[in-house]
Amino acid sequence: MAGAKGGKSGQQESTEFHEAFEKVRVCVQVIDDKKGESIVVLDTRRATFIDYLVIATVQSGRQLKAIADEIDRALKRCGRPARGIEGTPKSGWILLDAGDFVVHLFLPQTRAYYDLEMLWGDVPRIDVAAIFVTRHVS
């Protein structure tokens, strides 16, 4: 039976889903540990070719760079480094493309300007608190 993405089997799709979600959890943990704020995880599996969008706010360019660098290191430790990193602290927005998901780190005014949550308002949100609970229970 063909799966939703490129004719993959249900088993392959399920394994890839769990791998992607585990990487999302790692990124959310990094953002939280580094004092990122207003973390949102959107489930975009039915809307686009990526599985998730992770969006967070940081308070300075220095923090923006530090979190992006630590996410990049964490993804490398998971064996799946970011495919690309775009943006700079000066721009107020750094995007990390992890293949299955994308992480957007914003300064507050930049996040408000682009308002990705409104743009993706029709996709489900994942409870970030549940990500931490799931991680500690499994």
Protein backbone atom coordinates (compact mmCIF):
# COMPACT_ATOMS: atom_id res chain seq x y z
CA MET A 1 0.00 0.00 0.00
CA ALA A 2 1.43 3.37 -0.98
CA GLY A 3 1.88 6.03 1.69
CA ALA A 4 1.11 9.71 1.37
CA LYS A 5 4.69 10.76 0.61
CA GLY A 6 6.17 9.47 -2.61
CA GLY A 7 4.57 6.04 -2.50
CA LYS A 8 6.31 4.96 0.71
CA SER A 9 4.99 2.04 2.71
CA GLY A 10 3.09 2.70 5.92
CA GLN A 11 5.95 1.18 7.96
CA GLN A 12 8.57 3.39 6.29
CA GLU A 13 6.37 6.45 6.70
CA SER A 14 5.83 5.66 10.39
CA THR A 15 9.57 5.23 11.03
CA GLU A 16 10.35 8.50 9.24
CA PHE A 17 7.61 10.26 11.22
CA HIS A 18 9.14 9.12 14.52
CA GLU A 19 12.65 10.12 13.42
CA ALA A 20 11.44 13.56 12.34
CA PHE A 21 9.46 14.06 15.53
CA GLU A 22 12.46 13.05 17.67
CA LYS A 23 14.58 15.67 15.90
CA VAL A 24 11.83 18.23 16.49
CA ARG A 25 11.90 17.35 20.20
CA VAL A 26 15.68 17.81 20.27
CA CYS A 27 15.35 21.25 18.67
CA VAL A 28 12.54 22.32 21.00
CA GLN A 29 14.66 21.22 23.97
CA VAL A 30 17.62 23.28 22.71
CA ILE A 31 15.40 26.33 22.23
CA ASP A 32 13.94 25.92 25.71
CA ASP A 33 17.35 25.33 27.32
CA LYS A 34 18.72 28.49 25.67
CA LYS A 35 15.74 30.55 26.89
CA GLY A 36 13.91 30.83 23.60
CA GLU A 37 10.30 31.92 24.03
CA SER A 38 6.85 31.35 22.58
CA ILE A 39 7.81 28.03 20.99
CA VAL A 40 5.22 26.77 18.52
CA VAL A 41 5.29 23.48 16.62
CA LEU A 42 2.98 23.20 13.63
CA ASP A 43 2.08 19.85 12.05
CA THR A 44 2.32 20.55 8.32
CA ARG A 45 2.33 16.94 7.10
CA ARG A 46 -0.99 17.34 5.26
CA ALA A 47 -0.26 20.80 3.92
CA THR A 48 3.24 20.67 2.45
CA PHE A 49 6.27 18.48 1.80
CA ILE A 50 7.77 19.08 5.26
CA ASP A 51 6.38 17.50 8.39
CA TYR A 52 6.74 20.31 10.92
CA LEU A 53 7.47 23.97 11.41
CA VAL A 54 9.11 25.00 14.65
CA ILE A 55 8.82 28.71 15.45
CA ALA A 56 10.37 30.53 18.39
CA THR A 57 11.21 34.02 19.58
CA VAL A 58 14.55 35.12 20.98
CA GLN A 59 15.45 38.46 22.52
CA SER A 60 18.77 39.38 20.89
CA GLY A 61 20.92 38.76 17.85
CA ARG A 62 23.49 37.02 20.05
CA GLN A 63 20.85 34.63 21.40
CA LEU A 64 19.54 34.07 17.87
CA LYS A 65 22.98 32.94 16.69
CA ALA A 66 23.68 30.87 19.82
CA ILE A 67 20.43 28.91 19.50
CA ALA A 68 20.85 28.37 15.75
CA ASP A 69 24.41 27.13 16.28
CA GLU A 70 23.35 24.78 19.08
CA ILE A 71 20.46 23.37 17.02
CA ASP A 72 22.89 22.75 14.17
CA ARG A 73 25.26 20.90 16.55
CA ALA A 74 22.37 18.90 18.05
CA LEU A 75 21.16 17.82 14.61
CA LYS A 76 24.69 16.73 13.70
CA ARG A 77 24.81 14.64 16.90
CA CYS A 78 21.56 13.00 15.74
CA GLY A 79 23.31 12.08 12.51
CA ARG A 80 21.13 14.38 10.40
CA PRO A 81 22.76 17.80 10.07
CA ALA A 82 20.76 20.77 8.85
CA ARG A 83 20.54 20.86 5.06
CA GLY A 84 20.81 24.61 5.10
CA ILE A 85 20.87 27.62 7.35
CA GLU A 86 19.62 30.97 6.10
CA GLY A 87 19.49 34.42 7.64
CA THR A 88 21.62 36.33 10.09
CA PRO A 89 21.20 37.84 13.53
CA LYS A 90 21.15 41.26 11.83
CA SER A 91 18.11 40.22 9.76
CA GLY A 92 16.24 39.15 12.89
CA TRP A 93 15.43 35.71 11.46
CA ILE A 94 17.38 32.49 11.10
CA LEU A 95 15.90 29.48 9.33
CA LEU A 96 17.32 25.98 9.71
CA ASP A 97 16.21 23.45 7.10
CA ALA A 98 16.36 20.00 8.69
CA GLY A 99 14.79 18.24 5.71
CA ASP A 100 11.69 16.85 7.44
CA PHE A 101 11.06 20.10 9.27
CA VAL A 102 12.13 23.73 9.37
CA VAL A 103 13.05 25.79 12.42
CA HIS A 104 12.36 29.55 12.35
CA LEU A 105 14.05 31.65 15.02
CA PHE A 106 12.91 35.26 15.18
CA LEU A 107 13.51 38.46 17.04
CA PRO A 108 10.13 39.66 18.37
CA GLN A 109 9.47 42.40 15.81
CA THR A 110 10.45 40.14 12.91
CA ARG A 111 8.18 37.35 14.12
CA ALA A 112 5.29 39.78 14.44
CA TYR A 113 5.93 41.13 10.94
CA TYR A 114 5.95 37.73 9.19
CA ASP A 115 3.30 36.16 11.46
CA LEU A 116 3.84 32.58 10.30
CA GLU A 117 1.29 31.26 12.78
CA MET A 118 -1.42 33.25 10.98
CA LEU A 119 -0.12 32.16 7.58
CA TRP A 120 -0.23 28.50 8.69
CA GLY A 121 -3.35 28.97 10.82
CA ASP A 122 -5.18 26.03 9.25
CA VAL A 123 -2.65 23.37 10.31
CA PRO A 124 -2.70 21.65 13.71
CA ARG A 125 -0.48 22.88 16.53
CA ILE A 126 1.38 20.38 18.65
CA ASP A 127 1.34 21.04 22.38
CA VAL A 128 4.95 21.87 23.21
CA ALA A 129 4.46 20.79 26.84
CA ALA A 130 3.42 17.36 25.57
CA ILE A 131 6.69 17.11 23.62
CA PHE A 132 8.60 17.34 26.89
CA VAL A 133 6.28 14.91 28.69
CA THR A 134 6.54 12.38 25.84
CA ARG A 135 10.32 12.66 25.88
CA HIS A 136 10.60 11.98 29.60
CA VAL A 137 8.09 9.12 29.57
CA SER A 138 9.48 7.16 26.60
